């Protein structure tokens, strides 16, 4: 153990040190991971905050099972029909905000759950998975936020254990450098920088504890939330230090650095390619992507904003809304092509070991029922290739998140307002 780490242990309390101590084995895990032949499970969540063109995206509700007809908006996925499933009648009972298609999609939280507050969120499903999947990878989870809007639909897809947003990388260039660029800063200097961060945290924590006495109950709760945030930072610092001596890997067929000018659909394709490359080198196993909005519409030749297309009406706007959905479907098909073409050590493919979801908390306009939901891959053990319509028109979307977690091997008793797993997903 180096001197900087011993200094950290001396200057911090046991409560703070314990999460940090758990990261000491990461380097050992990293070297051992290469000996494992069973492919790891992975998750991908692709969120489109403005919903879909309802009358062209959903299959007919009476046309269920394996032999259903793909609707117009999903025709580009025809070659992957056996790899995907469409689910209907899923929703979040607590959703009351028609302008937050992304914010509560992966949590199912009630923003008004705490009296006196106008916003509240809880942990997102990706972070529940990341707590287990991320222990052996350089990055516990990876997040890209391609949103090009302020205000409407603002927020994050990923939320930590305290219901705080996890910021995402803004573009494929940032993702590329995070994953594959070498660090030109000397190792000793990087170690010193992390030591400085720890020293600053110790000082802040000491100061914060000194003012805790005499606070009101509300202020104590706020301060406790602050301590939890500090602990999250400490875990990140610990993990960063554990990987300082581990060089970044590059895939067998290295990806090129994306162009700085990429926007809209080309940017989405680049991010999808980088996700696959990241999985090939096991840099991370949990990914979320808040898909771009206005720039995506512009990139397919539409003169309408994402908001205007979500309120589609009339021939031209509806036509553009369907074109947007088809462009997303083509890109998902491209991602599935890549996942299916990548072979794992045991002969399976990445797609066999990925649980992928594409969707939104919003159906269209401001409608929060029947959330558009497309799933793919075999990572959660789902039997794909079907159109499933839930018997209960208000089946919790969290039932899918609970099913995804348990099917992928994450041992959780519950998630959000889930009433149980969706048994049909596991039955042929």
Protein backbone atom coordinates (compact mmCIF):
# COMPACT_ATOMS: atom_id res chain seq x y z
CA UNK A 1 0.00 0.00 0.00
CA UNK A 2 1.49 3.39 -0.91
CA UNK A 3 2.06 6.34 1.45
CA UNK A 4 -0.80 8.44 0.13
CA UNK A 5 -3.30 5.70 0.87
CA UNK A 6 -1.94 5.20 4.42
CA UNK A 7 -2.26 8.95 4.95
CA UNK A 8 -5.88 8.78 3.86
CA UNK A 9 -6.60 6.02 6.37
CA UNK A 10 -5.02 7.98 9.22
CA UNK A 11 -6.89 11.18 8.45
CA UNK A 12 -10.36 9.75 7.94
CA UNK A 13 -12.90 8.12 10.20
CA UNK A 14 -13.78 4.42 9.96
CA UNK A 15 -17.20 5.26 8.54
CA UNK A 16 -15.61 7.07 5.63
CA UNK A 17 -12.83 4.58 5.13
CA UNK A 18 -14.94 1.46 4.82
CA UNK A 19 -16.37 2.16 1.34
CA UNK A 20 -12.85 3.08 0.31
CA UNK A 21 -11.41 -0.17 1.65
CA UNK A 22 -13.78 -2.16 -0.49
CA UNK A 23 -12.05 -0.77 -3.57
CA UNK A 24 -8.62 -2.12 -2.57
CA UNK A 25 -9.35 -5.36 -4.39
CA UNK A 26 -10.23 -3.79 -7.72
CA UNK A 27 -6.76 -4.26 -9.13
CA UNK A 28 -6.81 -7.90 -8.10
CA UNK A 29 -10.26 -8.33 -9.65
CA UNK A 30 -9.09 -6.66 -12.84
CA UNK A 31 -6.27 -9.16 -13.36
CA UNK A 32 -8.47 -12.10 -12.42
CA UNK A 33 -11.22 -11.05 -14.82
CA UNK A 34 -9.12 -12.05 -17.82
CA UNK A 35 -9.18 -15.67 -16.59
CA UNK A 36 -12.96 -15.89 -16.52
CA UNK A 37 -14.49 -17.53 -19.57
CA UNK A 38 -18.15 -17.02 -18.67
CA UNK A 39 -19.16 -13.73 -20.30
CA UNK A 40 -20.42 -11.03 -17.92
CA UNK A 41 -23.94 -9.66 -18.06
CA UNK A 42 -24.41 -6.14 -19.38
CA UNK A 43 -27.21 -3.58 -19.61
CA UNK A 44 -27.96 -0.75 -22.04
CA UNK A 45 -30.73 1.83 -21.57
CA UNK A 46 -31.53 4.14 -24.50
CA UNK A 47 -33.96 6.90 -23.58
CA UNK A 48 -35.87 9.07 -26.03
CA UNK A 49 -37.52 11.77 -23.95
CA UNK A 50 -40.20 12.88 -26.40
CA UNK A 51 -41.89 9.56 -26.97
CA UNK A 52 -42.92 8.09 -30.33
CA UNK A 53 -45.56 8.33 -33.06
CA UNK A 54 -48.14 6.19 -31.29
CA UNK A 55 -50.26 5.20 -34.29
CA UNK A 56 -47.19 3.97 -36.22
CA UNK A 57 -44.85 2.67 -33.48
CA UNK A 58 -47.03 0.20 -31.56
CA UNK A 59 -48.21 -3.08 -33.12
CA UNK A 60 -51.93 -3.80 -33.11
CA UNK A 61 -52.92 -4.84 -29.57
CA UNK A 62 -54.80 -7.84 -30.97
CA UNK A 63 -51.75 -8.97 -32.94
CA UNK A 64 -49.62 -10.54 -30.21
CA UNK A 65 -47.12 -13.36 -29.89
CA UNK A 66 -44.27 -14.28 -32.21
CA UNK A 67 -46.05 -13.85 -35.53
CA UNK A 68 -47.00 -10.19 -35.14
CA UNK A 69 -46.63 -7.56 -37.84
CA UNK A 70 -43.96 -4.94 -37.30
CA UNK A 71 -45.53 -1.46 -37.43
CA UNK A 72 -44.33 1.18 -39.89
CA UNK A 73 -42.02 2.97 -37.46
CA UNK A 74 -40.17 -0.24 -36.59
CA UNK A 75 -39.81 -1.71 -40.10
CA UNK A 76 -36.03 -0.99 -40.14
CA UNK A 77 -35.71 -3.61 -37.38
CA UNK A 78 -37.19 -6.39 -39.54
CA UNK A 79 -33.91 -8.34 -39.77
CA UNK A 80 -33.76 -8.40 -35.97
CA UNK A 81 -37.39 -9.23 -35.33
CA UNK A 82 -36.42 -12.44 -33.51
CA UNK A 83 -34.02 -10.49 -31.27
CA UNK A 84 -36.46 -7.84 -30.01
CA UNK A 85 -39.77 -7.67 -28.20
CA UNK A 86 -42.35 -4.89 -27.92
CA UNK A 87 -44.23 -4.49 -24.63
CA UNK A 88 -47.47 -2.58 -24.13
CA UNK A 89 -49.47 -1.36 -21.12
CA UNK A 90 -46.46 -0.44 -19.00
CA UNK A 91 -46.45 2.87 -17.12
CA UNK A 92 -45.33 4.66 -13.98
CA UNK A 93 -48.28 5.23 -11.67
CA UNK A 94 -46.46 8.13 -10.02
CA UNK A 95 -45.75 10.01 -13.24
CA UNK A 96 -47.47 13.38 -13.18
CA UNK A 97 -45.13 15.48 -15.28
CA UNK A 98 -45.67 15.39 -19.04
CA UNK A 99 -42.44 17.34 -19.56
CA UNK A 100 -40.11 14.77 -18.00
CA UNK A 101 -39.86 11.94 -20.46
CA UNK A 102 -36.37 11.00 -19.26
CA UNK A 103 -36.14 12.10 -15.65
CA UNK A 104 -38.22 9.35 -14.04
CA UNK A 105 -38.02 6.70 -16.76
CA UNK A 106 -35.49 4.50 -14.97
CA UNK A 107 -36.68 5.26 -11.42
CA UNK A 108 -40.48 5.36 -11.38
CA UNK A 109 -40.29 7.87 -8.52
CA UNK A 110 -42.97 10.31 -7.41
CA UNK A 111 -41.45 13.78 -7.68
CA UNK A 112 -43.86 15.06 -5.01
CA UNK A 113 -43.28 12.21 -2.55
CA UNK A 114 -41.73 14.50 0.08
CA UNK A 115 -44.11 17.16 1.44
CA UNK A 116 -42.85 20.69 0.91
CA UNK A 117 -40.57 19.75 -1.98
CA UNK A 118 -41.43 20.11 -5.66
CA UNK A 119 -38.87 17.54 -6.77
CA UNK A 120 -37.75 14.16 -5.53
CA UNK A 121 -36.17 11.19 -7.25
CA UNK A 122 -34.82 7.76 -6.31
CA UNK A 123 -32.10 5.42 -7.54
CA UNK A 124 -32.36 4.37 -11.19
CA UNK A 125 -32.35 0.74 -12.29
CA UNK A 126 -29.00 1.08 -14.07
CA UNK A 127 -27.33 2.12 -10.81
CA UNK A 128 -28.77 -0.84 -8.95
CA UNK A 129 -27.17 -3.06 -11.59
CA UNK A 130 -23.95 -1.03 -11.59
CA UNK A 131 -23.51 -1.60 -7.85
CA UNK A 132 -22.97 -5.28 -8.69
CA UNK A 133 -21.67 -5.25 -12.26
CA UNK A 134 -19.25 -2.37 -11.83
CA UNK A 135 -16.93 -3.83 -9.21
CA UNK A 136 -14.65 -5.45 -11.77
CA UNK A 137 -14.54 -2.79 -14.48
CA UNK A 138 -12.63 0.46 -14.84
CA UNK A 139 -15.90 2.40 -14.99
CA UNK A 140 -18.75 1.39 -12.72
CA UNK A 141 -21.18 2.67 -15.35
CA UNK A 142 -21.06 4.90 -18.42
CA UNK A 143 -23.51 7.69 -19.18
CA UNK A 144 -23.92 9.81 -22.28
CA UNK A 145 -26.33 12.74 -22.26
CA UNK A 146 -26.96 13.84 -25.82
CA UNK A 147 -29.84 16.10 -24.85
CA UNK A 148 -29.62 19.44 -26.63
CA UNK A 149 -32.52 21.04 -24.77
CA UNK A 150 -32.72 23.23 -21.70
CA UNK A 151 -35.77 23.20 -19.51
CA UNK A 152 -38.23 20.95 -21.32
CA UNK A 153 -37.44 17.37 -20.38
CA UNK A 154 -34.30 18.47 -18.55
CA UNK A 155 -32.76 16.01 -16.15
CA UNK A 156 -30.76 12.84 -16.27
CA UNK A 157 -31.43 9.19 -17.04
CA UNK A 158 -29.21 7.98 -14.20
CA UNK A 159 -29.76 8.74 -10.51
CA UNK A 160 -27.59 7.60 -7.63
CA UNK A 161 -28.58 5.88 -4.39
CA UNK A 162 -29.56 9.26 -2.94
CA UNK A 163 -31.73 10.23 -5.90
CA UNK A 164 -29.20 12.73 -7.22
CA UNK A 165 -28.51 13.02 -10.98
CA UNK A 166 -25.40 11.46 -12.47
CA UNK A 167 -24.01 13.74 -15.14
CA UNK A 168 -23.36 12.21 -18.53
CA UNK A 169 -20.71 12.82 -21.16
CA UNK A 170 -21.99 15.30 -23.71
CA UNK A 171 -20.88 13.77 -27.01
CA UNK A 172 -19.14 10.79 -28.64
CA UNK A 173 -15.77 12.59 -28.62
CA UNK A 174 -15.87 12.84 -24.82
CA UNK A 175 -16.88 9.18 -24.59
CA UNK A 176 -14.04 8.13 -26.89
CA UNK A 177 -11.40 9.92 -24.83
CA UNK A 178 -12.85 8.60 -21.58
CA UNK A 179 -12.63 5.05 -22.87
CA UNK A 180 -9.49 4.92 -24.95
CA UNK A 181 -7.26 7.99 -24.72
CA UNK A 182 -4.02 7.57 -22.78
CA UNK A 183 -3.28 9.88 -19.88
CA UNK A 184 -0.27 12.08 -20.59
CA UNK A 185 0.00 13.20 -16.94
CA UNK A 186 2.79 11.29 -15.14
CA UNK A 187 1.62 8.59 -12.71
CA UNK A 188 3.16 10.31 -9.65
CA UNK A 189 1.37 13.54 -10.49
CA UNK A 190 -1.98 11.76 -10.90
CA UNK A 191 -1.46 10.04 -7.54
CA UNK A 192 -0.71 13.40 -5.94
CA UNK A 193 -3.86 14.90 -7.47
CA UNK A 194 -6.00 12.15 -5.97
CA UNK A 195 -4.28 12.60 -2.61
CA UNK A 196 -5.11 16.31 -2.75
CA UNK A 197 -8.76 15.48 -3.47
CA UNK A 198 -8.88 13.19 -0.43
CA UNK A 199 -7.24 15.81 1.78
CA UNK A 200 -9.80 18.39 0.68
CA UNK A 201 -12.65 15.98 1.41
CA UNK A 202 -11.29 15.29 4.89
CA UNK A 203 -11.16 19.01 5.64
CA UNK A 204 -14.69 19.60 4.35
CA UNK A 205 -16.06 16.67 6.33
CA UNK A 206 -14.39 17.89 9.52
CA UNK A 207 -15.85 21.35 9.06
CA UNK A 208 -19.30 19.95 8.27
CA UNK A 209 -19.36 17.74 11.38
CA UNK A 210 -18.37 20.65 13.59
CA UNK A 211 -21.58 22.51 12.68
CA UNK A 212 -23.91 19.51 12.92
CA UNK A 213 -24.63 20.04 16.63
CA UNK A 214 -27.63 22.26 17.26
CA UNK A 215 -29.11 21.98 13.75
CA UNK A 216 -32.80 21.44 13.09
CA UNK A 217 -34.01 18.01 12.00
CA UNK A 218 -34.40 19.23 8.43
CA UNK A 219 -30.88 20.64 8.35
CA UNK A 220 -29.46 17.42 9.82
CA UNK A 221 -31.17 15.46 7.03
CA UNK A 222 -29.69 17.81 4.44
CA UNK A 223 -26.26 17.44 6.00
CA UNK A 224 -26.59 13.64 5.99
CA UNK A 225 -27.38 13.78 2.28
CA UNK A 226 -24.25 15.87 1.88
CA UNK A 227 -22.19 13.23 3.70
CA UNK A 228 -23.58 10.57 1.36
CA UNK A 229 -22.49 12.65 -1.63
CA UNK A 230 -19.00 12.93 -0.15
CA UNK A 231 -18.87 9.18 0.30
CA UNK A 232 -19.75 8.75 -3.38
CA UNK A 233 -16.83 10.99 -4.31
CA UNK A 234 -14.52 9.01 -2.04
CA UNK A 235 -15.53 5.77 -3.71
CA UNK A 236 -14.78 7.31 -7.10
CA UNK A 237 -11.37 8.49 -5.94
CA UNK A 238 -10.61 5.05 -4.55
CA UNK A 239 -11.54 3.34 -7.75
CA UNK A 240 -9.57 5.79 -9.87
CA UNK A 241 -6.46 5.12 -7.81
CA UNK A 242 -6.94 1.36 -8.07
CA UNK A 243 -6.84 1.62 -11.86
CA UNK A 244 -3.99 4.13 -12.19
CA UNK A 245 -1.46 1.42 -13.12
CA UNK A 246 -3.83 -0.50 -15.40
CA UNK A 247 -3.46 0.68 -19.01
CA UNK A 248 -6.59 1.21 -21.05
CA UNK A 249 -7.31 -1.57 -23.51
CA UNK A 250 -8.26 -1.13 -27.14
CA UNK A 251 -10.58 -3.49 -29.03
CA UNK A 252 -9.25 -5.88 -31.67
CA UNK A 253 -10.57 -3.55 -34.35
CA UNK A 254 -9.92 -0.12 -32.81
CA UNK A 255 -12.58 2.52 -33.34
CA UNK A 256 -11.60 5.86 -34.80
CA UNK A 257 -11.96 9.05 -32.83
CA UNK A 258 -15.34 10.61 -33.75
CA UNK A 259 -15.40 13.96 -35.48
CA UNK A 260 -16.02 17.03 -33.32
CA UNK A 261 -18.86 18.15 -35.59
CA UNK A 262 -21.01 15.02 -35.22
CA UNK A 263 -24.58 15.80 -34.22
CA UNK A 264 -27.93 14.07 -34.31
CA UNK A 265 -28.15 10.64 -35.94
CA UNK A 266 -24.42 10.41 -36.86
CA UNK A 267 -23.53 11.13 -33.22
CA UNK A 268 -25.90 8.40 -32.04
CA UNK A 269 -24.28 5.88 -34.38
CA UNK A 270 -20.84 6.85 -33.07
CA UNK A 271 -21.95 6.43 -29.44
CA UNK A 272 -23.43 3.00 -30.22
CA UNK A 273 -20.16 1.90 -31.83
CA UNK A 274 -18.21 3.12 -28.80
CA UNK A 275 -20.53 1.26 -26.43
CA UNK A 276 -19.78 -1.97 -28.27
CA UNK A 277 -16.05 -1.23 -28.21
CA UNK A 278 -16.26 -0.54 -24.46
CA UNK A 279 -17.94 -3.90 -23.91
CA UNK A 280 -15.31 -5.66 -26.01
CA UNK A 281 -12.58 -4.50 -23.62
CA UNK A 282 -14.87 -4.76 -20.55
CA UNK A 283 -14.38 -1.10 -19.64
CA UNK A 284 -17.94 -1.01 -18.27
CA UNK A 285 -21.01 -3.22 -18.20
CA UNK A 286 -23.79 -0.68 -17.64
CA UNK A 287 -24.61 2.07 -20.15
CA UNK A 288 -27.26 4.78 -20.36
CA UNK A 289 -27.76 7.16 -23.26
CA UNK A 290 -30.14 10.09 -23.20
CA UNK A 291 -30.65 10.46 -26.91
CA UNK A 292 -30.40 13.84 -28.67
CA UNK A 293 -33.61 15.65 -29.54
CA UNK A 294 -33.62 18.78 -31.74
CA UNK A 295 -30.31 17.96 -33.40
CA UNK A 296 -31.59 14.48 -34.20
CA UNK A 297 -34.67 15.89 -35.93
CA UNK A 298 -32.51 18.33 -37.91
CA UNK A 299 -30.13 15.54 -38.94
CA UNK A 300 -32.93 13.62 -40.65
CA UNK A 301 -34.02 16.72 -42.58
CA UNK A 302 -36.97 17.78 -40.44
CA UNK A 303 -37.66 21.47 -39.89
CA UNK A 304 -39.63 20.71 -36.71
CA UNK A 305 -38.27 20.63 -33.18
CA UNK A 306 -38.52 17.50 -31.05
CA UNK A 307 -41.25 19.13 -29.00
CA UNK A 308 -43.30 19.98 -32.07
CA UNK A 309 -42.93 16.46 -33.41
CA UNK A 310 -44.13 15.04 -30.09
CA UNK A 311 -47.32 17.06 -30.72
CA UNK A 312 -47.60 15.68 -34.24
CA UNK A 313 -50.70 16.67 -36.14
CA UNK A 314 -51.35 16.99 -39.83
CA UNK A 315 -49.72 15.06 -42.66
CA UNK A 316 -46.31 16.73 -42.79
CA UNK A 317 -45.55 16.74 -39.07
CA UNK A 318 -46.80 13.17 -38.62
CA UNK A 319 -44.65 12.10 -41.58
CA UNK A 320 -41.57 13.66 -39.98
CA UNK A 321 -42.39 12.10 -36.62
CA UNK A 322 -42.51 8.64 -38.23
CA UNK A 323 -39.24 9.36 -40.07
CA UNK A 324 -37.65 10.21 -36.72
CA UNK A 325 -38.86 6.91 -35.24
CA UNK A 326 -37.59 4.98 -38.25
CA UNK A 327 -34.20 6.67 -37.96
CA UNK A 328 -33.99 5.54 -34.34
CA UNK A 329 -35.02 2.03 -35.40
CA UNK A 330 -32.28 1.93 -38.06
CA UNK A 331 -29.71 2.96 -35.49
CA UNK A 332 -30.88 0.35 -32.99
CA UNK A 333 -30.67 -2.23 -35.80
CA UNK A 334 -27.10 -1.05 -36.44
CA UNK A 335 -26.28 -1.49 -32.74
CA UNK A 336 -27.80 -4.99 -32.73
CA UNK A 337 -25.73 -5.85 -35.83
CA UNK A 338 -22.57 -4.87 -33.96
CA UNK A 339 -23.53 -6.73 -30.80
CA UNK A 340 -24.42 -9.85 -32.74
CA UNK A 341 -21.17 -9.76 -34.74
CA UNK A 342 -18.96 -9.65 -31.64
CA UNK A 343 -18.07 -13.11 -30.33
CA UNK A 344 -17.41 -13.80 -26.65
CA UNK A 345 -14.81 -16.20 -25.25
CA UNK A 346 -17.36 -19.01 -24.92
CA UNK A 347 -18.64 -18.65 -28.50
CA UNK A 348 -21.73 -16.64 -27.62
CA UNK A 349 -22.20 -13.06 -28.84
CA UNK A 350 -22.39 -9.76 -27.00
CA UNK A 351 -26.09 -9.66 -27.85
CA UNK A 352 -26.58 -12.97 -26.03
CA UNK A 353 -25.30 -11.35 -22.85
CA UNK A 354 -26.84 -7.86 -23.10
CA UNK A 355 -30.18 -6.66 -21.76
CA UNK A 356 -31.07 -3.63 -23.91
CA UNK A 357 -34.06 -1.34 -23.52
CA UNK A 358 -35.15 1.49 -25.81
CA UNK A 359 -38.01 3.65 -24.67
CA UNK A 360 -39.40 6.63 -22.80
CA UNK A 361 -41.52 7.60 -19.83
CA UNK A 362 -43.66 9.51 -22.33
CA UNK A 363 -45.85 7.98 -25.05
CA UNK A 364 -46.39 11.15 -27.10
CA UNK A 365 -47.47 14.72 -26.48
CA UNK A 366 -47.96 14.71 -22.68
CA UNK A 367 -49.39 11.21 -22.37
CA UNK A 368 -47.77 9.09 -19.67
CA UNK A 369 -49.63 5.83 -20.25
CA UNK A 370 -48.44 2.85 -22.31
CA UNK A 371 -44.77 3.86 -22.26
CA UNK A 372 -43.05 2.90 -25.54
CA UNK A 373 -40.89 -0.11 -24.64
CA UNK A 374 -38.61 -2.15 -26.88
CA UNK A 375 -36.28 -4.74 -25.38
CA UNK A 376 -33.54 -6.83 -26.98
CA UNK A 377 -30.80 -9.30 -26.16
CA UNK A 378 -30.48 -12.39 -24.00
CA UNK A 379 -28.67 -10.94 -21.00
CA UNK A 380 -31.74 -11.07 -18.72
CA UNK A 381 -32.95 -14.45 -19.99
CA UNK A 382 -35.96 -12.98 -21.79
CA UNK A 383 -37.51 -14.98 -24.63
CA UNK A 384 -37.35 -12.47 -27.48
CA UNK A 385 -39.16 -12.06 -30.77
CA UNK A 386 -42.62 -11.24 -29.43
CA UNK A 387 -45.25 -8.60 -29.01
CA UNK A 388 -46.54 -8.73 -25.43
CA UNK A 389 -49.58 -6.80 -24.22
CA UNK A 390 -49.96 -6.81 -20.44
CA UNK A 391 -53.41 -7.84 -19.20
CA UNK A 392 -53.38 -5.00 -16.71
CA UNK A 393 -53.38 -1.73 -18.65
CA UNK A 394 -51.53 -0.08 -15.77
CA UNK A 395 -48.78 -2.64 -15.22
CA UNK A 396 -45.86 -0.90 -13.48
CA UNK A 397 -42.93 -0.21 -15.78
CA UNK A 398 -40.85 -1.03 -12.70
CA UNK A 399 -41.99 -4.65 -13.17
CA UNK A 400 -39.79 -4.67 -16.28
CA UNK A 401 -36.89 -3.11 -14.37
CA UNK A 402 -37.24 -5.71 -11.60
CA UNK A 403 -37.41 -8.48 -14.23
CA UNK A 404 -34.30 -7.13 -15.95
CA UNK A 405 -32.36 -6.99 -12.69
CA UNK A 406 -33.31 -10.44 -11.47
CA UNK A 407 -32.97 -12.03 -14.89
CA UNK A 408 -29.45 -10.61 -15.13
CA UNK A 409 -28.46 -12.05 -11.77
CA UNK A 410 -28.88 -8.95 -9.59
CA UNK A 411 -30.35 -10.14 -6.31
CA UNK A 412 -32.96 -7.55 -5.34
CA UNK A 413 -36.26 -8.02 -3.55
CA UNK A 414 -38.00 -5.04 -5.10
CA UNK A 415 -37.58 -1.96 -7.25
CA UNK A 416 -39.68 1.19 -7.27
CA UNK A 417 -43.40 0.40 -7.29
CA UNK A 418 -42.93 -3.02 -8.92
CA UNK A 419 -45.55 -5.61 -8.00
CA UNK A 420 -43.45 -8.50 -9.30
CA UNK A 421 -41.58 -9.76 -12.33
CA UNK A 422 -43.21 -10.17 -15.74
CA UNK A 423 -43.38 -13.96 -15.95
CA UNK A 424 -44.24 -13.96 -19.66
CA UNK A 425 -40.79 -12.60 -20.48
CA UNK A 426 -39.18 -15.81 -19.26
CA UNK A 427 -41.68 -18.21 -20.84
CA UNK A 428 -41.38 -19.47 -24.41
